[in-house]
């Protein structure tokens, strides 16, 4: 099995590095300055056990590779880049490869299955940061993260078993799960606070807004008949897997949306996180004012180049109240 990591940022870089360290065949697909630094200087993995510089094969386009049924492509880019990535894989004749959505949100699997028969979902709970070219940081001590996987829309096959065995051997906690999307819908509820974190840096009072985001999500799931792992299941799965630690001189900062704003990427994942709940709400008649406001604020931040923490919690609450009123 060859592992092709498409999107070698915090999550993809960490997964690729750990697999490589255990002797697996790994290729990274990266872009821009990050790709240049990876090719010229290697991947610097900063972890609780120390720093390693790893020389991995790196290409800048999917069509630089030839694909076969032994290839597993892990999509590790953010959801707003998935369609372009899938189109590039189509042009590269990767139809025989297994495509694994190692991403937040629940829309990527549907986008992928339109194009690739061998589509898989992966729960990603992996605390990693990518802010500088050629460097990824992981703050997990113990197992490096949770990477459960299954076929999409459901089931387990030989590819899933081989993949999770390799990830488990590389230091992650990875289990085959025929209903992995239940876990991904639960993870989506956690990720609804990503834009809020970027907008307010979770200043006093933001936790109450986060509760509203989750309550709207659960109401939409109920209306849509979507099954989701419970809090008890999620806590049980996480118990004892890893602990978050600080790296000397490298504060962790925030999650994926926070990182997008800090890096000034000009795009953000909120349409596939808060926007997923807004979509469900509109389809099933469930009000989602808090998620709508967070979706809009995220785009305002990246389109206007606003810094993290630009919005006050009282200001966000005012916008949510205004969104509850008919226009």
C-alpha atoms as a PDB file:
ATOM      1  CA  UNK A   1       0.000   0.000   0.000  1.00  0.00           C
ATOM      2  CA  UNK A   2       1.307   3.429  -0.976  1.00  0.00           C
ATOM      3  CA  UNK A   3       0.027   6.415   1.001  1.00  0.00           C
ATOM      4  CA  UNK A   4      -0.410   9.636  -0.969  1.00  0.00           C
ATOM      5  CA  UNK A   5      -1.023  12.584   1.328  1.00  0.00           C
ATOM      6  CA  UNK A   6      -2.853  15.250  -0.658  1.00  0.00           C
ATOM      7  CA  UNK A   7      -2.554  18.383   1.459  1.00  0.00           C
ATOM      8  CA  UNK A   8       0.536  18.184   3.658  1.00  0.00           C
ATOM      9  CA  UNK A   9      -0.474  20.763   6.260  1.00  0.00           C
ATOM     10  CA  UNK A  10      -0.904  20.135   9.977  1.00  0.00           C
ATOM     11  CA  UNK A  11      -3.012  16.981   9.699  1.00  0.00           C
ATOM     12  CA  UNK A  12      -1.595  15.635   6.442  1.00  0.00           C
ATOM     13  CA  UNK A  13       1.992  16.423   7.335  1.00  0.00           C
ATOM     14  CA  UNK A  14       1.700  14.714  10.713  1.00  0.00           C
ATOM     15  CA  UNK A  15       0.057  11.603   9.259  1.00  0.00           C
ATOM     16  CA  UNK A  16       2.585  11.396   6.438  1.00  0.00           C
ATOM     17  CA  UNK A  17       5.528  11.895   8.775  1.00  0.00           C
ATOM     18  CA  UNK A  18       4.395   9.227  11.251  1.00  0.00           C
ATOM     19  CA  UNK A  19       3.701   6.697   8.481  1.00  0.00           C
ATOM     20  CA  UNK A  20       7.104   7.419   6.912  1.00  0.00           C
ATOM     21  CA  UNK A  21       8.877   6.974  10.243  1.00  0.00           C
ATOM     22  CA  UNK A  22       7.489   3.427  10.425  1.00  0.00           C
ATOM     23  CA  UNK A  23       8.828   2.520   6.989  1.00  0.00           C
ATOM     24  CA  UNK A  24       5.630   2.955   4.956  1.00  0.00           C
ATOM     25  CA  UNK A  25       5.796   4.248   1.399  1.00  0.00           C
ATOM     26  CA  UNK A  26       4.547   7.825   1.514  1.00  0.00           C
ATOM     27  CA  UNK A  27       4.320  10.620  -1.058  1.00  0.00           C
ATOM     28  CA  UNK A  28       3.253  14.175  -0.224  1.00  0.00           C
ATOM     29  CA  UNK A  29       1.342  16.478  -2.565  1.00  0.00           C
ATOM     30  CA  UNK A  30       1.904  20.072  -1.503  1.00  0.00           C
ATOM     31  CA  UNK A  31       1.766  23.549  -3.020  1.00  0.00           C
ATOM     32  CA  UNK A  32       3.704  26.776  -3.233  1.00  0.00           C
ATOM     33  CA  UNK A  33       6.406  27.747  -0.769  1.00  0.00           C
ATOM     34  CA  UNK A  34       5.499  24.848   1.510  1.00  0.00           C
ATOM     35  CA  UNK A  35       6.252  22.406  -1.311  1.00  0.00           C
ATOM     36  CA  UNK A  36       9.516  24.143  -2.147  1.00  0.00           C
ATOM     37  CA  UNK A  37      10.756  23.980   1.441  1.00  0.00           C
ATOM     38  CA  UNK A  38       9.670  20.340   1.767  1.00  0.00           C
ATOM     39  CA  UNK A  39      11.550  19.414  -1.404  1.00  0.00           C
ATOM     40  CA  UNK A  40      14.716  21.341  -0.549  1.00  0.00           C
ATOM     41  CA  UNK A  41      14.950  20.926   3.219  1.00  0.00           C
ATOM     42  CA  UNK A  42      12.549  18.155   4.238  1.00  0.00           C
ATOM     43  CA  UNK A  43       9.567  18.111   6.552  1.00  0.00           C
ATOM     44  CA  UNK A  44      10.231  19.360  10.071  1.00  0.00           C
ATOM     45  CA  UNK A  45       7.941  17.569  12.527  1.00  0.00           C
ATOM     46  CA  UNK A  46       7.874  19.214  15.949  1.00  0.00           C
ATOM     47  CA  UNK A  47       6.349  16.869  18.528  1.00  0.00           C
ATOM     48  CA  UNK A  48       6.398  16.335  22.305  1.00  0.00           C
ATOM     49  CA  UNK A  49       9.132  13.714  21.944  1.00  0.00           C
ATOM     50  CA  UNK A  50      11.359  16.062  19.942  1.00  0.00           C
ATOM     51  CA  UNK A  51      11.933  17.485  16.476  1.00  0.00           C
ATOM     52  CA  UNK A  52      12.645  15.375  13.400  1.00  0.00           C
ATOM     53  CA  UNK A  53      13.539  16.454   9.875  1.00  0.00           C
ATOM     54  CA  UNK A  54      12.269  13.896   7.384  1.00  0.00           C
ATOM     55  CA  UNK A  55      13.040  13.541   3.691  1.00  0.00           C
ATOM     56  CA  UNK A  56       9.853  12.406   1.948  1.00  0.00           C
ATOM     57  CA  UNK A  57       9.026  12.394  -1.766  1.00  0.00           C
ATOM     58  CA  UNK A  58       7.090  15.564  -2.597  1.00  0.00           C
ATOM     59  CA  UNK A  59       5.222  16.485  -5.779  1.00  0.00           C
ATOM     60  CA  UNK A  60       3.221  19.597  -6.521  1.00  0.00           C
ATOM     61  CA  UNK A  61       0.500  18.080  -8.726  1.00  0.00           C
ATOM     62  CA  UNK A  62      -1.428  14.795  -8.700  1.00  0.00           C
ATOM     63  CA  UNK A  63      -0.542  14.171 -12.349  1.00  0.00           C
ATOM     64  CA  UNK A  64       3.125  13.858 -11.380  1.00  0.00           C
ATOM     65  CA  UNK A  65       2.256  10.353 -10.144  1.00  0.00           C
ATOM     66  CA  UNK A  66       0.927   7.174 -11.714  1.00  0.00           C
ATOM     67  CA  UNK A  67      -1.866   5.462  -9.771  1.00  0.00           C
ATOM     68  CA  UNK A  68      -2.975   1.898  -9.157  1.00  0.00           C
ATOM     69  CA  UNK A  69      -5.355  -0.010  -6.901  1.00  0.00           C
ATOM     70  CA  UNK A  70      -2.661  -0.251  -4.210  1.00  0.00           C
ATOM     71  CA  UNK A  71      -2.696   3.531  -3.730  1.00  0.00           C
ATOM     72  CA  UNK A  72      -4.542   5.189  -0.868  1.00  0.00           C
ATOM     73  CA  UNK A  73      -4.974   8.927  -1.335  1.00  0.00           C
ATOM     74  CA  UNK A  74      -5.700  10.753   1.913  1.00  0.00           C
ATOM     75  CA  UNK A  75      -7.447  14.036   1.221  1.00  0.00           C
ATOM     76  CA  UNK A  76      -6.173  16.328   3.977  1.00  0.00           C
ATOM     77  CA  UNK A  77      -6.971  19.715   2.479  1.00  0.00           C
ATOM     78  CA  UNK A  78      -9.820  21.817   3.850  1.00  0.00           C
ATOM     79  CA  UNK A  79     -13.243  21.203   2.376  1.00  0.00           C
ATOM     80  CA  UNK A  80     -13.339  24.354   0.246  1.00  0.00           C
ATOM     81  CA  UNK A  81     -10.475  22.880  -1.801  1.00  0.00           C
ATOM     82  CA  UNK A  82     -11.922  19.384  -2.231  1.00  0.00           C
ATOM     83  CA  UNK A  83     -13.658  19.785  -5.594  1.00  0.00           C
ATOM     84  CA  UNK A  84     -10.528  21.211  -7.250  1.00  0.00           C
ATOM     85  CA  UNK A  85      -8.449  18.404  -5.740  1.00  0.00           C
ATOM     86  CA  UNK A  86     -10.855  15.743  -6.996  1.00  0.00           C
ATOM     87  CA  UNK A  87     -10.855  17.250 -10.483  1.00  0.00           C
ATOM     88  CA  UNK A  88      -7.050  17.125 -10.497  1.00  0.00           C
ATOM     89  CA  UNK A  89      -7.140  13.483  -9.407  1.00  0.00           C
ATOM     90  CA  UNK A  90      -9.598  12.719 -12.206  1.00  0.00           C
ATOM     91  CA  UNK A  91      -7.270  14.324 -14.746  1.00  0.00           C
ATOM     92  CA  UNK A  92      -4.404  12.262 -13.286  1.00  0.00           C
ATOM     93  CA  UNK A  93      -6.316   9.006 -13.964  1.00  0.00           C
ATOM     94  CA  UNK A  94      -6.528   8.015 -10.304  1.00  0.00           C
ATOM     95  CA  UNK A  95      -9.823   6.130 -10.734  1.00  0.00           C
ATOM     96  CA  UNK A  96      -8.440   2.879  -9.294  1.00  0.00           C
ATOM     97  CA  UNK A  97      -7.105   4.478  -6.108  1.00  0.00           C
ATOM     98  CA  UNK A  98      -8.851   4.513  -2.745  1.00  0.00           C
ATOM     99  CA  UNK A  99      -9.780   8.072  -1.756  1.00  0.00           C
ATOM    100  CA  UNK A 100      -9.974   8.716   1.990  1.00  0.00           C
ATOM    101  CA  UNK A 101     -11.584  11.922   3.263  1.00  0.00           C
ATOM    102  CA  UNK A 102      -9.359  12.714   6.255  1.00  0.00           C
ATOM    103  CA  UNK A 103     -11.149  16.029   6.710  1.00  0.00           C
ATOM    104  CA  UNK A 104     -13.560  17.907   8.916  1.00  0.00           C
ATOM    105  CA  UNK A 105     -17.173  18.218   7.851  1.00  0.00           C
ATOM    106  CA  UNK A 106     -19.464  15.690   6.208  1.00  0.00           C
ATOM    107  CA  UNK A 107     -19.702  16.958   2.619  1.00  0.00           C
ATOM    108  CA  UNK A 108     -16.385  15.656   1.289  1.00  0.00           C
ATOM    109  CA  UNK A 109     -17.446  12.030   1.067  1.00  0.00           C
ATOM    110  CA  UNK A 110     -20.455  12.932  -1.060  1.00  0.00           C
ATOM    111  CA  UNK A 111     -18.307  15.056  -3.347  1.00  0.00           C
ATOM    112  CA  UNK A 112     -15.789  12.242  -3.680  1.00  0.00           C
ATOM    113  CA  UNK A 113     -18.253   9.417  -4.320  1.00  0.00           C
ATOM    114  CA  UNK A 114     -19.580  11.294  -7.358  1.00  0.00           C
ATOM    115  CA  UNK A 115     -16.180  10.725  -8.958  1.00  0.00           C
ATOM    116  CA  UNK A 116     -14.484   7.758  -7.252  1.00  0.00           C
ATOM    117  CA  UNK A 117     -16.069   4.398  -6.449  1.00  0.00           C
ATOM    118  CA  UNK A 118     -13.605   3.604  -3.650  1.00  0.00           C
ATOM    119  CA  UNK A 119     -14.531   6.397  -1.252  1.00  0.00           C
ATOM    120  CA  UNK A 120     -13.826   6.266   2.501  1.00  0.00           C
ATOM    121  CA  UNK A 121     -14.587   8.471   5.474  1.00  0.00           C
ATOM    122  CA  UNK A 122     -12.107   9.143   8.246  1.00  0.00           C
ATOM    123  CA  UNK A 123     -12.682  10.733  11.630  1.00  0.00           C
ATOM    124  CA  UNK A 124      -9.799  13.113  12.288  1.00  0.00           C
ATOM    125  CA  UNK A 125      -9.094  14.140  15.835  1.00  0.00           C
ATOM    126  CA  UNK A 126      -5.461  15.155  15.632  1.00  0.00           C
ATOM    127  CA  UNK A 127      -4.144  18.318  17.301  1.00  0.00           C
ATOM    128  CA  UNK A 128      -1.717  19.731  14.750  1.00  0.00           C
ATOM    129  CA  UNK A 129      -0.662  23.189  13.553  1.00  0.00           C
ATOM    130  CA  UNK A 130       0.829  24.347  10.262  1.00  0.00           C
ATOM    131  CA  UNK A 131       1.791  28.018  10.134  1.00  0.00           C
ATOM    132  CA  UNK A 132       5.271  28.040   8.533  1.00  0.00           C
ATOM    133  CA  UNK A 133       6.437  26.448   5.251  1.00  0.00           C
ATOM    134  CA  UNK A 134       8.055  23.050   5.749  1.00  0.00           C
ATOM    135  CA  UNK A 135       6.956  22.716   9.366  1.00  0.00           C
ATOM    136  CA  UNK A 136       4.131  20.977  11.204  1.00  0.00           C
ATOM    137  CA  UNK A 137       3.579  20.854  14.947  1.00  0.00           C
ATOM    138  CA  UNK A 138       1.695  18.197  16.857  1.00  0.00           C
ATOM    139  CA  UNK A 139       0.763  18.699  20.493  1.00  0.00           C
ATOM    140  CA  UNK A 140      -0.446  15.156  21.284  1.00  0.00           C
ATOM    141  CA  UNK A 141       1.423  13.103  23.864  1.00  0.00           C
ATOM    142  CA  UNK A 142       0.588   9.408  23.866  1.00  0.00           C
ATOM    143  CA  UNK A 143      -1.210   8.266  20.758  1.00  0.00           C
ATOM    144  CA  UNK A 144      -0.869  10.943  18.083  1.00  0.00           C
ATOM    145  CA  UNK A 145      -4.585  11.277  17.444  1.00  0.00           C
ATOM    146  CA  UNK A 146      -7.755   9.375  16.547  1.00  0.00           C
ATOM    147  CA  UNK A 147      -8.121   8.296  12.914  1.00  0.00           C
ATOM    148  CA  UNK A 148     -11.027   5.840  12.668  1.00  0.00           C
ATOM    149  CA  UNK A 149     -12.092   4.938   9.129  1.00  0.00           C
ATOM    150  CA  UNK A 150     -14.793   3.149   7.165  1.00  0.00           C
ATOM    151  CA  UNK A 151     -16.260   2.777   3.712  1.00  0.00           C
ATOM    152  CA  UNK A 152     -18.651   5.457   2.532  1.00  0.00           C
ATOM    153  CA  UNK A 153     -21.597   5.372   2.906  1.00  0.00           C
ATOM    154  CA  UNK A 154     -20.973   2.447   5.253  1.00  0.00           C
ATOM    155  CA  UNK A 155     -19.121  -0.778   5.885  1.00  0.00           C
ATOM    156  CA  UNK A 156     -15.555  -2.018   6.271  1.00  0.00           C
ATOM    157  CA  UNK A 157     -13.345  -3.703   3.687  1.00  0.00           C
ATOM    158  CA  UNK A 158      -9.760  -4.923   3.384  1.00  0.00           C
ATOM    159  CA  UNK A 159      -8.522  -1.432   2.511  1.00  0.00           C
ATOM    160  CA  UNK A 160      -9.973  -0.032   5.744  1.00  0.00           C
ATOM    161  CA  UNK A 161      -8.358  -2.773   7.830  1.00  0.00           C
ATOM    162  CA  UNK A 162      -4.945  -2.344   6.179  1.00  0.00           C
ATOM    163  CA  UNK A 163      -5.135   1.449   6.463  1.00  0.00           C
ATOM    164  CA  UNK A 164      -6.105   1.519  10.133  1.00  0.00           C
ATOM    165  CA  UNK A 165      -3.503  -1.138  10.973  1.00  0.00           C
ATOM    166  CA  UNK A 166      -0.812   1.036   9.373  1.00  0.00           C
ATOM    167  CA  UNK A 167      -1.994   4.156  11.182  1.00  0.00           C
ATOM    168  CA  UNK A 168      -2.189   2.320  14.494  1.00  0.00           C
ATOM    169  CA  UNK A 169       1.338   1.058  13.934  1.00  0.00           C
ATOM    170  CA  UNK A 170       2.455   4.617  13.235  1.00  0.00           C
ATOM    171  CA  UNK A 171       1.380   5.745  16.690  1.00  0.00           C
ATOM    172  CA  UNK A 172      -2.208   6.834  16.153  1.00  0.00           C
ATOM    173  CA  UNK A 173      -5.361   5.269  17.551  1.00  0.00           C
ATOM    174  CA  UNK A 174      -7.150   4.008  14.452  1.00  0.00           C
ATOM    175  CA  UNK A 175     -10.082   1.612  14.342  1.00  0.00           C
ATOM    176  CA  UNK A 176     -12.201   0.251  11.472  1.00  0.00           C
ATOM    177  CA  UNK A 177     -15.747   1.579  11.860  1.00  0.00           C
ATOM    178  CA  UNK A 178     -18.571   0.586   9.484  1.00  0.00           C
ATOM    179  CA  UNK A 179     -20.570   3.615  10.686  1.00  0.00           C
ATOM    180  CA  UNK A 180     -17.762   6.162  10.854  1.00  0.00           C
ATOM    181  CA  UNK A 181     -20.020   8.984   9.593  1.00  0.00           C
ATOM    182  CA  UNK A 182     -21.834   8.928  12.960  1.00  0.00           C
ATOM    183  CA  UNK A 183     -18.534  10.025  14.486  1.00  0.00           C
ATOM    184  CA  UNK A 184     -17.947  12.588  11.781  1.00  0.00           C
ATOM    185  CA  UNK A 185     -21.348  14.180  12.415  1.00  0.00           C
ATOM    186  CA  UNK A 186     -20.442  14.345  16.119  1.00  0.00           C
ATOM    187  CA  UNK A 187     -17.087  15.924  15.226  1.00  0.00           C
ATOM    188  CA  UNK A 188     -18.927  18.484  13.093  1.00  0.00           C
ATOM    189  CA  UNK A 189     -20.770  19.646  16.210  1.00  0.00           C
ATOM    190  CA  UNK A 190     -17.377  20.285  17.821  1.00  0.00           C
ATOM    191  CA  UNK A 191     -16.109  22.140  14.748  1.00  0.00           C
ATOM    192  CA  UNK A 192     -19.071  24.543  14.731  1.00  0.00           C
ATOM    193  CA  UNK A 193     -17.075  26.657  17.170  1.00  0.00           C
ATOM    194  CA  UNK A 194     -14.064  27.022  14.832  1.00  0.00           C
ATOM    195  CA  UNK A 195     -15.234  30.258  13.232  1.00  0.00           C
ATOM    196  CA  UNK A 196     -16.324  31.610  16.617  1.00  0.00           C
ATOM    197  CA  UNK A 197     -12.836  30.948  17.989  1.00  0.00           C
ATOM    198  CA  UNK A 198     -11.261  32.817  15.088  1.00  0.00           C
ATOM    199  CA  UNK A 199     -13.716  35.714  15.394  1.00  0.00           C
ATOM    200  CA  UNK A 200     -13.612  36.213  19.184  1.00  0.00           C
ATOM    201  CA  UNK A 201     -10.667  34.118  20.443  1.00  0.00           C
ATOM    202  CA  UNK A 202     -13.314  32.678  22.785  1.00  0.00           C
ATOM    203  CA  UNK A 203     -13.481  35.778  24.961  1.00  0.00           C
ATOM    204  CA  UNK A 204     -15.785  35.802  27.971  1.00  0.00           C
ATOM    205  CA  UNK A 205     -19.310  34.811  27.003  1.00  0.00           C
ATOM    206  CA  UNK A 206     -18.335  32.972  23.809  1.00  0.00           C
ATOM    207  CA  UNK A 207     -19.006  29.598  25.405  1.00  0.00           C
ATOM    208  CA  UNK A 208     -22.721  30.388  25.504  1.00  0.00           C
ATOM    209  CA  UNK A 209     -22.683  31.097  21.776  1.00  0.00           C
ATOM    210  CA  UNK A 210     -20.888  27.783  21.239  1.00  0.00           C
ATOM    211  CA  UNK A 211     -23.739  26.050  23.065  1.00  0.00           C
ATOM    212  CA  UNK A 212     -26.215  27.730  20.706  1.00  0.00           C
ATOM    213  CA  UNK A 213     -24.238  26.500  17.697  1.00  0.00           C
ATOM    214  CA  UNK A 214     -24.344  22.928  18.976  1.00  0.00           C
ATOM    215  CA  UNK A 215     -28.050  23.112  19.901  1.00  0.00           C
ATOM    216  CA  UNK A 216     -28.911  24.302  16.391  1.00  0.00           C
ATOM    217  CA  UNK A 217     -26.847  21.471  14.927  1.00  0.00           C
ATOM    218  CA  UNK A 218     -28.575  18.838  17.021  1.00  0.00           C
ATOM    219  CA  UNK A 219     -32.004  20.256  16.128  1.00  0.00           C
ATOM    220  CA  UNK A 220     -31.116  20.006  12.436  1.00  0.00           C
ATOM    221  CA  UNK A 221     -29.891  16.423  12.835  1.00  0.00           C
ATOM    222  CA  UNK A 222     -33.148  15.475  14.523  1.00  0.00           C
ATOM    223  CA  UNK A 223     -35.227  17.126  11.809  1.00  0.00           C
ATOM    224  CA  UNK A 224     -33.185  15.463   9.058  1.00  0.00           C
ATOM    225  CA  UNK A 225     -33.104  12.039  10.715  1.00  0.00           C
ATOM    226  CA  UNK A 226     -29.301  12.053  10.919  1.00  0.00           C
ATOM    227  CA  UNK A 227     -27.679   9.661  13.387  1.00  0.00           C
ATOM    228  CA  UNK A 228     -24.798  11.056  15.379  1.00  0.00           C
ATOM    229  CA  UNK A 229     -22.506   9.607  18.028  1.00  0.00           C
ATOM    230  CA  UNK A 230     -23.483  10.724  21.520  1.00  0.00           C
ATOM    231  CA  UNK A 231     -21.334  12.758  23.871  1.00  0.00           C
ATOM    232  CA  UNK A 232     -20.855   9.638  25.978  1.00  0.00           C
ATOM    233  CA  UNK A 233     -19.594   7.656  22.979  1.00  0.00           C
ATOM    234  CA  UNK A 234     -17.254  10.457  21.974  1.00  0.00           C
ATOM    235  CA  UNK A 235     -15.825  10.836  25.471  1.00  0.00           C
ATOM    236  CA  UNK A 236     -15.350   7.087  25.770  1.00  0.00           C
ATOM    237  CA  UNK A 237     -13.490   6.941  22.453  1.00  0.00           C
ATOM    238  CA  UNK A 238     -11.171   9.773  23.486  1.00  0.00           C
ATOM    239  CA  UNK A 239     -10.480   8.587  27.015  1.00  0.00           C
ATOM    240  CA  UNK A 240      -6.795   7.895  27.583  1.00  0.00           C
ATOM    241  CA  UNK A 241      -5.798   8.228  23.910  1.00  0.00           C
ATOM    242  CA  UNK A 242      -3.626  11.347  24.190  1.00  0.00           C
ATOM    243  CA  UNK A 243      -3.093  14.487  26.215  1.00  0.00           C
ATOM    244  CA  UNK A 244      -2.490  17.968  24.880  1.00  0.00           C
ATOM    245  CA  UNK A 245       0.889  19.396  25.836  1.00  0.00           C
ATOM    246  CA  UNK A 246       2.664  22.655  25.112  1.00  0.00           C
ATOM    247  CA  UNK A 247       5.770  22.599  22.944  1.00  0.00           C
ATOM    248  CA  UNK A 248       8.601  24.801  24.303  1.00  0.00           C
ATOM    249  CA  UNK A 249       8.425  28.171  22.599  1.00  0.00           C
ATOM    250  CA  UNK A 250       5.585  27.007  20.312  1.00  0.00           C
ATOM    251  CA  UNK A 251       2.179  27.954  21.757  1.00  0.00           C
ATOM    252  CA  UNK A 252      -0.585  25.923  20.123  1.00  0.00           C
ATOM    253  CA  UNK A 253      -2.820  28.790  19.090  1.00  0.00           C
ATOM    254  CA  UNK A 254      -6.188  27.851  17.650  1.00  0.00           C
ATOM    255  CA  UNK A 255      -7.902  25.341  15.420  1.00  0.00           C
ATOM    256  CA  UNK A 256      -8.053  25.048  11.646  1.00  0.00           C
ATOM    257  CA  UNK A 257     -10.131  28.183  10.971  1.00  0.00           C
ATOM    258  CA  UNK A 258      -7.979  30.228  13.352  1.00  0.00           C
ATOM    259  CA  UNK A 259      -4.921  29.015  11.439  1.00  0.00           C
ATOM    260  CA  UNK A 260      -6.467  30.001   8.099  1.00  0.00           C
ATOM    261  CA  UNK A 261      -6.984  33.558   9.359  1.00  0.00           C
ATOM    262  CA  UNK A 262      -3.504  33.790  10.899  1.00  0.00           C
ATOM    263  CA  UNK A 263      -1.865  32.498   7.717  1.00  0.00           C
ATOM    264  CA  UNK A 264      -3.877  34.895   5.565  1.00  0.00           C
ATOM    265  CA  UNK A 265      -4.963  32.187   3.132  1.00  0.00           C
ATOM    266  CA  UNK A 266      -7.910  34.228   1.863  1.00  0.00           C
ATOM    267  CA  UNK A 267     -10.321  31.312   2.332  1.00  0.00           C
ATOM    268  CA  UNK A 268     -11.915  29.438   5.204  1.00  0.00           C
ATOM    269  CA  UNK A 269     -13.885  26.245   5.834  1.00  0.00           C
ATOM    270  CA  UNK A 270     -16.977  27.764   7.456  1.00  0.00           C
ATOM    271  CA  UNK A 271     -19.289  27.026   4.495  1.00  0.00           C
ATOM    272  CA  UNK A 272     -18.757  23.313   5.170  1.00  0.00           C
ATOM    273  CA  UNK A 273     -18.981  23.540   8.974  1.00  0.00           C
ATOM    274  CA  UNK A 274     -21.491  26.178  10.081  1.00  0.00           C
ATOM    275  CA  UNK A 275     -22.762  26.230   6.501  1.00  0.00           C
ATOM    276  CA  UNK A 276     -23.668  22.541   6.694  1.00  0.00           C
ATOM    277  CA  UNK A 277     -26.004  23.329   9.598  1.00  0.00           C
ATOM    278  CA  UNK A 278     -27.429  26.360   7.785  1.00  0.00           C
ATOM    279  CA  UNK A 279     -28.103  24.132   4.770  1.00  0.00           C
ATOM    280  CA  UNK A 280     -29.845  21.477   6.874  1.00  0.00           C
ATOM    281  CA  UNK A 281     -31.849  24.163   8.653  1.00  0.00           C
ATOM    282  CA  UNK A 282     -33.086  25.644   5.395  1.00  0.00           C
ATOM    283  CA  UNK A 283     -33.957  22.212   4.044  1.00  0.00           C
ATOM    284  CA  UNK A 284     -35.901  21.161   7.143  1.00  0.00           C
ATOM    285  CA  UNK A 285     -37.326  24.398   8.502  1.00  0.00           C
ATOM    286  CA  UNK A 286     -35.020  24.735  11.525  1.00  0.00           C
ATOM    287  CA  UNK A 287     -33.781  28.248  12.484  1.00  0.00           C
ATOM    288  CA  UNK A 288     -29.967  28.478  12.618  1.00  0.00           C
ATOM    289  CA  UNK A 289     -29.157  32.140  13.362  1.00  0.00           C
ATOM    290  CA  UNK A 290     -25.982  31.480  15.374  1.00  0.00           C
ATOM    291  CA  UNK A 291     -24.459  29.254  12.704  1.00  0.00           C
ATOM    292  CA  UNK A 292     -25.457  31.687   9.957  1.00  0.00           C
ATOM    293  CA  UNK A 293     -23.745  34.581  11.751  1.00  0.00           C
ATOM    294  CA  UNK A 294     -20.565  32.575  12.377  1.00  0.00           C
ATOM    295  CA  UNK A 295     -20.484  31.485   8.730  1.00  0.00           C
ATOM    296  CA  UNK A 296     -20.807  35.108   7.614  1.00  0.00           C
ATOM    297  CA  UNK A 297     -18.243  36.446  10.099  1.00  0.00           C
ATOM    298  CA  UNK A 298     -15.690  33.873   8.976  1.00  0.00           C
ATOM    299  CA  UNK A 299     -15.972  35.027   5.378  1.00  0.00           C
ATOM    300  CA  UNK A 300     -15.844  38.673   6.431  1.00  0.00           C
ATOM    301  CA  UNK A 301     -12.573  38.012   8.254  1.00  0.00           C
ATOM    302  CA  UNK A 302     -10.824  36.358   5.318  1.00  0.00           C
ATOM    303  CA  UNK A 303     -12.251  38.652   2.623  1.00  0.00           C
ATOM    304  CA  UNK A 304     -11.316  41.838   4.517  1.00  0.00           C
ATOM    305  CA  UNK A 305      -8.100  40.551   6.066  1.00  0.00           C
ATOM    306  CA  UNK A 306      -9.317  41.038   9.633  1.00  0.00           C
ATOM    307  CA  UNK A 307      -7.214  39.649  12.503  1.00  0.00           C
ATOM    308  CA  UNK A 308      -8.268  36.859  14.834  1.00  0.00           C
ATOM    309  CA  UNK A 309     -10.327  38.154  17.746  1.00  0.00           C
ATOM    310  CA  UNK A 310     -11.617  41.119  15.731  1.00  0.00           C
ATOM    311  CA  UNK A 311     -15.229  40.710  16.888  1.00  0.00           C
ATOM    312  CA  UNK A 312     -16.562  41.184  20.413  1.00  0.00           C
ATOM    313  CA  UNK A 313     -18.858  38.637  22.015  1.00  0.00           C
ATOM    314  CA  UNK A 314     -21.588  41.262  22.634  1.00  0.00           C
ATOM    315  CA  UNK A 315     -21.345  42.243  18.977  1.00  0.00           C
ATOM    316  CA  UNK A 316     -21.738  38.640  17.835  1.00  0.00           C
ATOM    317  CA  UNK A 317     -24.746  38.217  20.129  1.00  0.00           C
ATOM    318  CA  UNK A 318     -26.353  41.314  18.619  1.00  0.00           C
ATOM    319  CA  UNK A 319     -25.890  39.897  15.129  1.00  0.00           C
ATOM    320  CA  UNK A 320     -27.448  36.593  16.198  1.00  0.00           C
ATOM    321  CA  UNK A 321     -30.458  38.370  17.670  1.00  0.00           C
ATOM    322  CA  UNK A 322     -30.842  40.364  14.459  1.00  0.00           C
ATOM    323  CA  UNK A 323     -30.642  37.152  12.414  1.00  0.00           C
ATOM    324  CA  UNK A 324     -33.603  35.747  14.376  1.00  0.00           C
ATOM    325  CA  UNK A 325     -35.870  38.524  13.095  1.00  0.00           C
ATOM    326  CA  UNK A 326     -37.537  38.215   9.690  1.00  0.00           C
ATOM    327  CA  UNK A 327     -35.841  40.431   7.122  1.00  0.00           C
END
